[in-house]
Protein backbone atom coordinates (compact mmCIF):
# COMPACT_ATOMS: atom_id res chain seq x y z
CA UNK A 1 -6.72 -13.58 5.35
CA UNK A 2 -5.27 -10.16 5.85
CA UNK A 3 -5.99 -7.46 3.27
CA UNK A 4 -2.29 -6.73 2.59
CA UNK A 5 -1.58 -10.42 1.96
CA UNK A 6 -4.62 -10.65 -0.32
CA UNK A 7 -3.36 -7.71 -2.41
CA UNK A 8 0.18 -9.11 -2.52
CA UNK A 9 -1.08 -12.55 -3.57
CA UNK A 10 -3.03 -10.95 -6.43
CA UNK A 11 -0.13 -8.66 -7.44
CA UNK A 12 -2.11 -5.48 -6.84
CA UNK A 13 0.11 -2.47 -6.07
CA UNK A 14 -0.73 -0.75 -2.77
CA UNK A 15 0.79 1.18 0.11
CA UNK A 16 0.25 0.49 3.80
CA UNK A 17 -0.44 3.59 5.89
CA UNK A 18 -0.16 3.40 9.68
CA UNK A 19 -1.99 6.02 11.74
CA UNK A 20 -3.46 6.50 15.23
CA UNK A 21 -6.60 4.40 15.75
CA UNK A 22 -9.47 5.92 13.76
CA UNK A 23 -13.00 4.68 14.30
CA UNK A 24 -14.53 6.65 11.41
CA UNK A 25 -13.44 7.18 7.82
CA UNK A 26 -13.50 10.96 8.29
CA UNK A 27 -11.15 10.71 11.26
CA UNK A 28 -8.86 8.47 9.18
CA UNK A 29 -8.81 11.21 6.52
CA UNK A 30 -7.83 13.80 9.14
CA UNK A 31 -5.06 11.60 10.59
CA UNK A 32 -3.65 10.96 7.12
CA UNK A 33 -4.07 14.61 6.02
CA UNK A 34 -6.14 13.77 2.94
CA UNK A 35 -9.59 14.80 1.78
CA UNK A 36 -12.53 12.63 2.81
CA UNK A 37 -13.38 12.21 -0.88
CA UNK A 38 -10.22 10.08 -1.22
CA UNK A 39 -11.08 7.88 1.76
CA UNK A 40 -13.52 5.09 1.05
CA UNK A 41 -15.64 3.78 3.86
CA UNK A 42 -17.00 0.27 3.81
CA UNK A 43 -20.36 -0.61 5.29
CA UNK A 44 -21.84 -4.05 5.80
CA UNK A 45 -25.47 -4.20 4.71
CA UNK A 46 -28.10 -6.86 5.34
CA UNK A 47 -30.19 -7.39 2.18
CA UNK A 48 -32.88 -9.94 1.29
CA UNK A 49 -30.15 -12.05 -0.35
CA UNK A 50 -27.77 -11.92 2.63
CA UNK A 51 -24.92 -9.59 3.47
CA UNK A 52 -23.46 -7.12 0.98
CA UNK A 53 -20.46 -4.81 1.23
CA UNK A 54 -21.07 -1.17 0.25
CA UNK A 55 -18.11 1.11 -0.55
CA UNK A 56 -18.61 4.88 -0.70
CA UNK A 57 -16.73 8.13 -0.06
CA UNK A 58 -16.16 9.03 3.59
CA UNK A 59 -17.98 12.29 2.87
CA UNK A 60 -21.22 10.46 2.01
CA UNK A 61 -23.94 8.43 3.71
CA UNK A 62 -25.80 5.39 2.42
CA UNK A 63 -29.39 5.86 1.38
CA UNK A 64 -30.74 2.42 2.33
CA UNK A 65 -34.04 3.13 0.59
CA UNK A 66 -32.22 3.61 -2.71
CA UNK A 67 -30.24 0.39 -2.17
CA UNK A 68 -33.48 -1.43 -1.29
CA UNK A 69 -34.99 -0.47 -4.65
CA UNK A 70 -31.88 -1.65 -6.47
CA UNK A 71 -31.64 -5.01 -4.65
CA UNK A 72 -35.36 -5.69 -4.55
CA UNK A 73 -36.14 -5.64 -0.84
CA UNK A 74 -35.48 -4.09 2.56
CA UNK A 75 -31.93 -3.16 3.50
CA UNK A 76 -30.44 -2.31 6.87
CA UNK A 77 -27.02 -1.59 8.29
CA UNK A 78 -25.45 -4.60 10.00
CA UNK A 79 -24.84 -4.23 13.73
CA UNK A 80 -21.45 -4.65 15.44
CA UNK A 81 -22.15 -8.27 16.37
CA UNK A 82 -22.89 -9.14 12.75
CA UNK A 83 -19.77 -7.29 11.59
CA UNK A 84 -17.65 -9.29 14.04
CA UNK A 85 -19.18 -12.56 12.79
CA UNK A 86 -18.67 -11.75 9.10
CA UNK A 87 -15.12 -10.38 9.56
CA UNK A 88 -13.65 -12.53 12.37
CA UNK A 89 -10.02 -11.82 11.40
CA UNK A 90 -10.44 -8.04 11.85
CA UNK A 91 -10.48 -5.82 14.91
CA UNK A 92 -13.94 -5.33 16.42
CA UNK A 93 -15.95 -2.96 14.20
CA UNK A 94 -13.61 -3.02 11.19
CA UNK A 95 -15.21 -3.58 7.78
CA UNK A 96 -12.48 -4.32 5.21
CA UNK A 97 -12.94 -3.34 1.55
CA UNK A 98 -12.76 -6.74 -0.14
CA UNK A 99 -16.06 -8.60 0.05
CA UNK A 100 -14.61 -11.36 -2.15
CA UNK A 101 -12.38 -12.37 0.77
CA UNK A 102 -15.54 -13.19 2.71
CA UNK A 103 -17.83 -14.44 -0.05
CA UNK A 104 -19.78 -11.16 -0.22
CA UNK A 105 -20.92 -9.15 -3.23
CA UNK A 106 -19.63 -5.59 -3.28
CA UNK A 107 -21.36 -2.45 -4.48
CA UNK A 108 -19.37 0.69 -5.23
CA UNK A 109 -20.93 4.13 -5.27
CA UNK A 110 -20.70 6.13 -8.50
CA UNK A 111 -19.33 9.10 -6.53
CA UNK A 112 -15.94 7.34 -6.32
CA UNK A 113 -13.90 8.42 -9.34
CA UNK A 114 -12.52 5.38 -11.20
CA UNK A 115 -9.32 7.35 -11.92
CA UNK A 116 -8.66 8.23 -8.26
CA UNK A 117 -6.40 6.71 -5.66
CA UNK A 118 -8.37 5.60 -2.61
CA UNK A 119 -7.55 4.89 1.02
CA UNK A 120 -9.39 2.07 2.81
CA UNK A 121 -9.36 0.70 6.34
CA UNK A 122 -7.47 -2.59 6.34
CA UNK A 123 -7.87 -5.11 9.20
CA UNK A 124 -7.43 -2.74 12.12
CA UNK A 125 -8.40 0.78 13.15
CA UNK A 126 -4.76 1.90 12.90
CA UNK A 127 -3.88 0.57 9.45
CA UNK A 128 -5.04 1.77 6.05
CA UNK A 129 -4.19 0.80 2.50
CA UNK A 130 -3.89 3.05 -0.53
CA UNK A 131 -4.57 1.73 -4.01
CA UNK A 132 -6.09 2.85 -7.29
CA UNK A 133 -9.85 2.67 -7.65
CA UNK A 134 -9.33 0.90 -11.01
CA UNK A 135 -7.26 -1.86 -9.35
CA UNK A 136 -9.88 -2.18 -6.63
CA UNK A 137 -12.68 -2.53 -9.20
CA UNK A 138 -10.73 -5.02 -11.31
CA UNK A 139 -10.03 -7.27 -8.33
CA UNK A 140 -13.39 -6.91 -6.61
CA UNK A 141 -15.72 -6.89 -9.64
CA UNK A 142 -17.81 -4.40 -7.68
CA UNK A 143 -21.19 -3.42 -9.05
CA UNK A 144 -21.33 0.36 -9.57
CA UNK A 145 -24.54 1.94 -8.30
CA UNK A 146 -25.71 5.33 -7.09
CA UNK A 147 -26.71 4.84 -3.46
CA UNK A 148 -24.93 7.48 -1.38
CA UNK A 149 -25.66 11.11 -0.65
CA UNK A 150 -23.28 13.80 0.51
CA UNK A 151 -23.41 14.14 4.29
CA UNK A 152 -24.08 17.61 5.64
CA UNK A 153 -22.01 18.81 8.57
């Protein structure tokens, strides 16, 4: 199911933003002329319990050791092949923000302000969606954790 249809079906207000293909969240921020703190990147993680979707600011990086402590075992980033298997309805390499669409638990980093409006990659590298963090949390029932660190340029 496409992200936009999922949001429409659940009556969650959002905007669709089209942009040139962006293969990183930071590039998406530049194309859309917004700060990287307002762009959420989604990362598929492999945990002892299976796959998990991590959502964090584009300006941050996941600390897998911190996640490992919180989930009780080793954690690694999923590779492109795994991403394609888990998200077969998306362009190659796209990780959409709604784990519930794919039967995955979602963790949300504390650095994302619950009162903010966020931009996420949708189902392709050239389409983003904008919605409130509160609406995202209400729909996704994401577990809030501290697992990301600011990336240094």
